[in-house]
PDB file of N, CA and C in Angstrom:
ATOM      1  N   MET A   1     101.020  92.449 109.232  1.00  0.00           N
ATOM      2  CA  MET A   1     100.618  91.630 110.295  1.00  0.00           C
ATOM      3  C   MET A   1      99.206  91.543 110.321  1.00  0.00           C
ATOM      4  N   ARG A   2      98.474  92.586 109.708  1.00  0.00           N
ATOM      5  CA  ARG A   2      97.183  92.451 109.539  1.00  0.00           C
ATOM      6  C   ARG A   2      96.525  91.277 108.851  1.00  0.00           C
ATOM      7  N   TYR A   3      97.279  91.007 107.742  1.00  0.00           N
ATOM      8  CA  TYR A   3      96.871  89.697 106.936  1.00  0.00           C
ATOM      9  C   TYR A   3      96.989  88.422 107.786  1.00  0.00           C
ATOM     10  N   VAL A   4      97.958  88.391 108.755  1.00  0.00           N
ATOM     11  CA  VAL A   4      98.260  87.319 109.436  1.00  0.00           C
ATOM     12  C   VAL A   4      97.010  87.034 110.614  1.00  0.00           C
ATOM     13  N   ILE A   5      96.642  88.150 111.088  1.00  0.00           N
ATOM     14  CA  ILE A   5      95.796  88.170 112.140  1.00  0.00           C
ATOM     15  C   ILE A   5      94.467  87.840 111.420  1.00  0.00           C
ATOM     16  N   ALA A   6      94.120  88.353 110.281  1.00  0.00           N
ATOM     17  CA  ALA A   6      92.955  87.865 109.427  1.00  0.00           C
ATOM     18  C   ALA A   6      93.007  86.571 109.083  1.00  0.00           C
ATOM     19  N   MET A   7      93.995  85.943 108.651  1.00  0.00           N
ATOM     20  CA  MET A   7      93.879  84.488 108.248  1.00  0.00           C
ATOM     21  C   MET A   7      93.818  83.666 109.505  1.00  0.00           C
ATOM     22  N   VAL A   8      94.335  83.954 110.684  1.00  0.00           N
ATOM     23  CA  VAL A   8      94.165  83.270 112.076  1.00  0.00           C
ATOM     24  C   VAL A   8      92.711  83.205 112.233  1.00  0.00           C
ATOM     25  N   PHE A   9      92.124  84.490 112.197  1.00  0.00           N
ATOM     26  CA  PHE A   9      90.497  84.521 112.408  1.00  0.00           C
ATOM     27  C   PHE A   9      89.838  83.738 111.551  1.00  0.00           C
ATOM     28  N   ALA A  10      90.204  83.776 110.160  1.00  0.00           N
ATOM     29  CA  ALA A  10      89.653  83.101 109.200  1.00  0.00           C
ATOM     30  C   ALA A  10      89.632  81.627 109.559  1.00  0.00           C
ATOM     31  N   PHE A  11      90.650  81.035 109.844  1.00  0.00           N
ATOM     32  CA  PHE A  11      90.771  79.513 110.213  1.00  0.00           C
ATOM     33  C   PHE A  11      89.899  79.234 111.328  1.00  0.00           C
ATOM     34  N   ILE A  12      89.949  80.027 112.370  1.00  0.00           N
ATOM     35  CA  ILE A  12      88.983  79.911 113.456  1.00  0.00           C
ATOM     36  C   ILE A  12      87.683  79.893 113.049  1.00  0.00           C
ATOM     37  N   GLY A  13      87.260  80.684 112.218  1.00  0.00           N
ATOM     38  CA  GLY A  13      85.953  80.889 111.893  1.00  0.00           C
ATOM     39  C   GLY A  13      85.544  79.674 111.137  1.00  0.00           C
ATOM     40  N   ALA A  14      86.387  79.145 110.246  1.00  0.00           N
ATOM     41  CA  ALA A  14      86.013  77.959 109.418  1.00  0.00           C
ATOM     42  C   ALA A  14      86.035  76.735 110.219  1.00  0.00           C
ATOM     43  N   VAL A  15      86.894  76.513 111.350  1.00  0.00           N
ATOM     44  CA  VAL A  15      86.651  75.553 112.084  1.00  0.00           C
ATOM     45  C   VAL A  15      85.506  75.470 112.970  1.00  0.00           C
ATOM     46  N   LEU A  16      85.143  76.637 113.481  1.00  0.00           N
ATOM     47  CA  LEU A  16      83.753  76.810 114.265  1.00  0.00           C
ATOM     48  C   LEU A  16      82.717  76.417 113.468  1.00  0.00           C
ATOM     49  N   ALA A  17      82.518  76.998 112.241  1.00  0.00           N
ATOM     50  CA  ALA A  17      81.455  76.630 111.422  1.00  0.00           C
ATOM     51  C   ALA A  17      81.417  75.447 110.898  1.00  0.00           C
ATOM     52  N   ALA A  18      82.627  74.634 110.768  1.00  0.00           N
ATOM     53  CA  ALA A  18      82.691  73.085 110.486  1.00  0.00           C
ATOM     54  C   ALA A  18      82.079  72.364 111.699  1.00  0.00           C
ATOM     55  N   MET A  19      82.465  72.711 112.781  1.00  0.00           N
ATOM     56  CA  MET A  19      82.124  72.127 114.071  1.00  0.00           C
ATOM     57  C   MET A  19      80.688  72.230 114.470  1.00  0.00           C
ATOM     58  N   PHE A  20      80.020  73.441 114.333  1.00  0.00           N
ATOM     59  CA  PHE A  20      78.756  73.662 114.979  1.00  0.00           C
ATOM     60  C   PHE A  20      77.704  74.242 113.984  1.00  0.00           C
ATOM     61  N   LEU A  21      78.187  74.529 112.585  1.00  0.00           N
ATOM     62  CA  LEU A  21      77.135  74.949 111.818  1.00  0.00           C
ATOM     63  C   LEU A  21      76.647  74.280 110.539  1.00  0.00           C
ATOM     64  N   SER A  22      77.885  73.846 109.929  1.00  0.00           N
ATOM     65  CA  SER A  22      77.732  73.297 108.658  1.00  0.00           C
ATOM     66  C   SER A  22      76.819  72.109 108.589  1.00  0.00           C
ATOM     67  N   SER A  23      77.126  71.043 109.326  1.00  0.00           N
ATOM     68  CA  SER A  23      76.239  69.919 109.270  1.00  0.00           C
ATOM     69  C   SER A  23      74.913  70.091 109.861  1.00  0.00           C
ATOM     70  N   PRO A  24      74.576  70.887 110.705  1.00  0.00           N
ATOM     71  CA  PRO A  24      73.030  70.872 111.072  1.00  0.00           C
ATOM     72  C   PRO A  24      72.297  71.715 110.000  1.00  0.00           C
ATOM     73  N   ALA A  25      73.114  72.658 109.559  1.00  0.00           N
ATOM     74  CA  ALA A  25      72.325  73.545 108.413  1.00  0.00           C
ATOM     75  C   ALA A  25      72.116  72.656 107.197  1.00  0.00           C
ATOM     76  N   ALA A  26      73.129  71.749 106.652  1.00  0.00           N
ATOM     77  CA  ALA A  26      72.884  70.964 105.741  1.00  0.00           C
ATOM     78  C   ALA A  26      71.910  69.954 105.864  1.00  0.00           C
ATOM     79  N   ASP A  27      71.813  69.290 106.973  1.00  0.00           N
ATOM     80  CA  ASP A  27      70.822  68.454 107.347  1.00  0.00           C
ATOM     81  C   ASP A  27      69.333  69.122 107.463  1.00  0.00           C
ATOM     82  N   TRP A  28      69.387  70.306 107.841  1.00  0.00           N
ATOM     83  CA  TRP A  28      68.031  70.984 107.827  1.00  0.00           C
ATOM     84  C   TRP A  28      67.530  71.250 106.514  1.00  0.00           C
ATOM     85  N   VAL A  29      68.469  71.668 105.556  1.00  0.00           N
ATOM     86  CA  VAL A  29      67.991  72.163 104.204  1.00  0.00           C
ATOM     87  C   VAL A  29      67.652  70.843 103.368  1.00  0.00           C
ATOM     88  N   THR A  30      68.313  69.617 103.766  1.00  0.00           N
ATOM     89  CA  THR A  30      67.953  68.628 102.870  1.00  0.00           C
ATOM     90  C   THR A  30      66.660  68.011 103.404  1.00  0.00           C
ATOM     91  N   ALA A  31      66.462  67.894 104.697  1.00  0.00           N
ATOM     92  CA  ALA A  31      65.134  67.442 105.309  1.00  0.00           C
ATOM     93  C   ALA A  31      63.969  68.170 104.875  1.00  0.00           C
ATOM     94  N   HIS A  32      64.086  69.435 104.364  1.00  0.00           N
ATOM     95  CA  HIS A  32      62.993  70.157 103.941  1.00  0.00           C
ATOM     96  C   HIS A  32      62.732  70.163 102.387  1.00  0.00           C
ATOM     97  N   GLN A  33      63.500  69.235 101.729  1.00  0.00           N
ATOM     98  CA  GLN A  33      63.345  69.041 100.273  1.00  0.00           C
ATOM     99  C   GLN A  33      62.853  67.632  99.948  1.00  0.00           C
ATOM    100  N   SER A  34      62.435  67.638  98.734  1.00  0.00           N
ATOM    101  CA  SER A  34      62.026  66.210  98.353  1.00  0.00           C
ATOM    102  C   SER A  34      62.929  65.988  97.092  1.00  0.00           C
ATOM    103  N   PHE A  35      63.500  64.768  96.861  1.00  0.00           N
ATOM    104  CA  PHE A  35      64.364  64.464  95.939  1.00  0.00           C
ATOM    105  C   PHE A  35      63.966  63.084  95.239  1.00  0.00           C
ATOM    106  N   GLU A  36      64.342  63.158  93.944  1.00  0.00           N
ATOM    107  CA  GLU A  36      63.996  61.947  92.958  1.00  0.00           C
ATOM    108  C   GLU A  36      65.288  60.873  93.319  1.00  0.00           C
ATOM    109  N   SER A  37      66.381  61.124  93.713  1.00  0.00           N
ATOM    110  CA  SER A  37      67.346  60.234  93.976  1.00  0.00           C
ATOM    111  C   SER A  37      68.311  60.562  95.154  1.00  0.00           C
ATOM    112  N   SER A  38      68.797  59.639  95.609  1.00  0.00           N
ATOM    113  CA  SER A  38      69.774  59.923  96.973  1.00  0.00           C
ATOM    114  C   SER A  38      70.999  60.695  96.594  1.00  0.00           C
ATOM    115  N   ASP A  39      71.347  60.404  95.322  1.00  0.00           N
ATOM    116  CA  ASP A  39      72.546  61.468  94.642  1.00  0.00           C
ATOM    117  C   ASP A  39      72.185  62.937  95.079  1.00  0.00           C
ATOM    118  N   ASP A  40      70.991  63.303  94.497  1.00  0.00           N
ATOM    119  CA  ASP A  40      70.514  64.622  94.501  1.00  0.00           C
ATOM    120  C   ASP A  40      70.575  65.164  95.919  1.00  0.00           C
ATOM    121  N   ALA A  41      70.050  64.300  96.884  1.00  0.00           N
ATOM    122  CA  ALA A  41      70.210  64.655  98.253  1.00  0.00           C
ATOM    123  C   ALA A  41      71.605  64.873  98.868  1.00  0.00           C
ATOM    124  N   GLU A  42      72.413  63.768  98.582  1.00  0.00           N
ATOM    125  CA  GLU A  42      73.867  63.952  99.054  1.00  0.00           C
ATOM    126  C   GLU A  42      74.497  65.333  98.104  1.00  0.00           C
ATOM    127  N   ASN A  43      74.196  65.577  96.971  1.00  0.00           N
ATOM    128  CA  ASN A  43      74.852  66.766  96.238  1.00  0.00           C
ATOM    129  C   ASN A  43      74.476  68.059  97.086  1.00  0.00           C
ATOM    130  N   LEU A  44      73.020  68.053  97.392  1.00  0.00           N
ATOM    131  CA  LEU A  44      72.498  69.499  98.016  1.00  0.00           C
ATOM    132  C   LEU A  44      73.170  69.435  99.497  1.00  0.00           C
ATOM    133  N   HIS A  45      73.313  68.270 100.215  1.00  0.00           N
ATOM    134  CA  HIS A  45      73.985  68.291 101.380  1.00  0.00           C
ATOM    135  C   HIS A  45      75.342  68.712 101.529  1.00  0.00           C
ATOM    136  N   MET A  46      76.076  68.287 100.431  1.00  0.00           N
ATOM    137  CA  MET A  46      77.622  68.663 100.373  1.00  0.00           C
ATOM    138  C   MET A  46      77.620  70.068 100.075  1.00  0.00           C
ATOM    139  N   LEU A  47      76.811  70.774  99.265  1.00  0.00           N
ATOM    140  CA  LEU A  47      76.805  72.162  98.571  1.00  0.00           C
ATOM    141  C   LEU A  47      76.510  72.945  99.794  1.00  0.00           C
ATOM    142  N   VAL A  48      75.565  72.676 100.571  1.00  0.00           N
ATOM    143  CA  VAL A  48      75.210  73.395 101.891  1.00  0.00           C
ATOM    144  C   VAL A  48      76.390  73.542 102.843  1.00  0.00           C
ATOM    145  N   PHE A  49      76.926  72.191 103.097  1.00  0.00           N
ATOM    146  CA  PHE A  49      78.050  71.994 103.891  1.00  0.00           C
ATOM    147  C   PHE A  49      79.164  73.118 103.662  1.00  0.00           C
ATOM    148  N   ILE A  50      79.474  73.010 102.186  1.00  0.00           N
ATOM    149  CA  ILE A  50      80.636  73.792 101.757  1.00  0.00           C
ATOM    150  C   ILE A  50      80.436  75.169 101.946  1.00  0.00           C
ATOM    151  N   VAL A  51      79.226  75.501 101.471  1.00  0.00           N
ATOM    152  CA  VAL A  51      78.709  77.107 101.682  1.00  0.00           C
ATOM    153  C   VAL A  51      78.752  77.470 102.953  1.00  0.00           C
ATOM    154  N   ALA A  52      78.192  76.754 103.996  1.00  0.00           N
ATOM    155  CA  ALA A  52      78.527  77.114 105.213  1.00  0.00           C
ATOM    156  C   ALA A  52      79.901  77.324 105.839  1.00  0.00           C
ATOM    157  N   ASN A  53      80.624  76.462 105.447  1.00  0.00           N
ATOM    158  CA  ASN A  53      82.138  76.566 105.777  1.00  0.00           C
ATOM    159  C   ASN A  53      82.795  77.848 105.161  1.00  0.00           C
ATOM    160  N   ILE A  54      82.348  77.950 103.893  1.00  0.00           N
ATOM    161  CA  ILE A  54      83.093  79.148 103.323  1.00  0.00           C
ATOM    162  C   ILE A  54      82.613  80.520 103.928  1.00  0.00           C
ATOM    163  N   ALA A  55      81.260  80.562 104.282  1.00  0.00           N
ATOM    164  CA  ALA A  55      80.658  81.762 104.828  1.00  0.00           C
ATOM    165  C   ALA A  55      81.352  81.862 106.250  1.00  0.00           C
ATOM    166  N   GLY A  56      81.578  80.865 107.206  1.00  0.00           N
ATOM    167  CA  GLY A  56      82.571  80.990 108.278  1.00  0.00           C
ATOM    168  C   GLY A  56      83.815  81.369 108.276  1.00  0.00           C
ATOM    169  N   LEU A  57      84.439  80.993 106.943  1.00  0.00           N
ATOM    170  CA  LEU A  57      85.744  81.441 106.525  1.00  0.00           C
ATOM    171  C   LEU A  57      85.722  83.058 106.366  1.00  0.00           C
ATOM    172  N   VAL A  58      84.746  83.431 105.559  1.00  0.00           N
ATOM    173  CA  VAL A  58      84.704  84.930 105.260  1.00  0.00           C
ATOM    174  C   VAL A  58      84.461  85.762 106.264  1.00  0.00           C
ATOM    175  N   ILE A  59      83.525  85.159 107.329  1.00  0.00           N
ATOM    176  CA  ILE A  59      83.024  86.104 108.486  1.00  0.00           C
ATOM    177  C   ILE A  59      84.184  86.109 109.332  1.00  0.00           C
ATOM    178  N   GLY A  60      84.943  85.183 109.647  1.00  0.00           N
ATOM    179  CA  GLY A  60      86.357  84.984 110.469  1.00  0.00           C
ATOM    180  C   GLY A  60      87.339  86.019 109.929  1.00  0.00           C
ATOM    181  N   TRP A  61      87.426  86.106 108.381  1.00  0.00           N
ATOM    182  CA  TRP A  61      88.558  86.864 107.915  1.00  0.00           C
ATOM    183  C   TRP A  61      87.961  88.507 108.278  1.00  0.00           C
ATOM    184  N   VAL A  62      86.749  88.754 107.930  1.00  0.00           N
ATOM    185  CA  VAL A  62      86.282  90.095 108.040  1.00  0.00           C
ATOM    186  C   VAL A  62      86.554  90.443 109.789  1.00  0.00           C
ATOM    187  N   VAL A  63      86.190  89.762 110.551  1.00  0.00           N
ATOM    188  CA  VAL A  63      86.242  89.982 111.960  1.00  0.00           C
ATOM    189  C   VAL A  63      87.907  90.268 112.394  1.00  0.00           C
ATOM    190  N   GLY A  64      88.652  89.198 111.813  1.00  0.00           N
ATOM    191  CA  GLY A  64      90.166  89.378 112.118  1.00  0.00           C
ATOM    192  C   GLY A  64      90.738  90.694 111.463  1.00  0.00           C
ATOM    193  N   TRP A  65      90.204  91.228 110.189  1.00  0.00           N
ATOM    194  CA  TRP A  65      90.685  92.216 109.559  1.00  0.00           C
ATOM    195  C   TRP A  65      90.226  93.572 110.305  1.00  0.00           C
ATOM    196  N   ILE A  66      89.029  93.444 110.885  1.00  0.00           N
ATOM    197  CA  ILE A  66      88.509  94.660 111.754  1.00  0.00           C
ATOM    198  C   ILE A  66      89.287  94.738 112.971  1.00  0.00           C
ATOM    199  N   ILE A  67      89.450  93.568 113.709  1.00  0.00           N
ATOM    200  CA  ILE A  67      90.108  93.435 114.997  1.00  0.00           C
ATOM    201  C   ILE A  67      91.631  94.061 114.745  1.00  0.00           C
ATOM    202  N   ALA A  68      92.409  93.396 113.624  1.00  0.00           N
ATOM    203  CA  ALA A  68      93.728  93.939 113.502  1.00  0.00           C
ATOM    204  C   ALA A  68      93.820  95.555 113.019  1.00  0.00           C
ATOM    205  N   GLY A  69      92.572  95.930 112.252  1.00  0.00           N
ATOM    206  CA  GLY A  69      92.630  97.469 111.894  1.00  0.00           C
ATOM    207  C   GLY A  69      92.454  98.436 113.267  1.00  0.00           C
ATOM    208  N   ILE A  70      91.721  97.719 114.040  1.00  0.00           N
ATOM    209  CA  ILE A  70      91.522  98.807 115.454  1.00  0.00           C
ATOM    210  C   ILE A  70      92.780  98.504 116.021  1.00  0.00           C
ATOM    211  N   GLY A  71      93.484  97.377 116.086  1.00  0.00           N
ATOM    212  CA  GLY A  71      94.835  97.512 116.821  1.00  0.00           C
ATOM    213  C   GLY A  71      95.840  98.400 116.281  1.00  0.00           C
ATOM    214  N   ARG A  72      95.749  98.532 114.898  1.00  0.00           N
ATOM    215  CA  ARG A  72      96.536  99.499 114.329  1.00  0.00           C
ATOM    216  C   ARG A  72      96.495 101.044 114.294  1.00  0.00           C
ATOM    217  N   GLY A  73      95.392 101.229 114.867  1.00  0.00           N
ATOM    218  CA  GLY A  73      94.872 102.620 114.949  1.00  0.00           C
ATOM    219  C   GLY A  73      95.815 103.767 115.280  1.00  0.00           C
ATOM    220  N   GLY A  74      96.829 103.491 116.207  1.00  0.00           N
ATOM    221  CA  GLY A  74      97.686 104.497 116.675  1.00  0.00           C
ATOM    222  C   GLY A  74      99.070 104.176 115.869  1.00  0.00           C
ATOM    223  N   ALA A  75      99.331 103.342 115.005  1.00  0.00           N
ATOM    224  CA  ALA A  75     100.516 103.058 114.201  1.00  0.00           C
ATOM    225  C   ALA A  75     100.484 104.053 113.062  1.00  0.00           C
ATOM    226  N   THR A  76     101.562 104.555 112.667  1.00  0.00           N
ATOM    227  CA  THR A  76     101.788 105.239 111.577  1.00  0.00           C
ATOM    228  C   THR A  76     102.693 104.709 110.495  1.00  0.00           C
ATOM    229  N   SER A  77     102.613 105.190 109.324  1.00  0.00           N
ATOM    230  CA  SER A  77     103.493 104.683 108.204  1.00  0.00           C
ATOM    231  C   SER A  77     104.706 105.241 108.171  1.00  0.00           C
ATOM    232  N   ALA A  78     105.711 104.490 107.656  1.00  0.00           N
ATOM    233  CA  ALA A  78     107.057 104.839 107.621  1.00  0.00           C
ATOM    234  C   ALA A  78     107.221 106.053 106.669  1.00  0.00           C
ATOM    235  N   ASN A  79     106.253 106.043 105.647  1.00  0.00           N
ATOM    236  CA  ASN A  79     106.325 107.150 104.616  1.00  0.00           C
ATOM    237  C   ASN A  79     105.824 108.402 104.969  1.00  0.00           C
ATOM    238  N   GLU A  80     105.252 108.545 106.311  1.00  0.00           N
ATOM    239  CA  GLU A  80     104.729 109.790 106.572  1.00  0.00           C
ATOM    240  C   GLU A  80     105.698 110.657 107.274  1.00  0.00           C
TER     241      GLU A  80
END
C-alpha cells in the first residue's frame, strides 16, 4: 500500500509542477540566455520543462513515501 500512496503523491506532484512551475521556470531560464538559433532556445526550454516535471514527480514520490511510512508506524509484519 505504501507504493500506491507514493505513486498517487508522485502523480499529484507532477501535475502541480506542470501546472505552476515548469513553464515559468523554462521561460525564465531561456529569457536569461542568448542563442544562435531558435532551435537551441526551444531545446533548452523543453529540457528545463521536462526536468522541472521530473523534479515534481520525485518530490511527490518522496512526500508520499514519507506520509505512507508515518501511517504504517503502528503496523507490524506478519513474520514477526
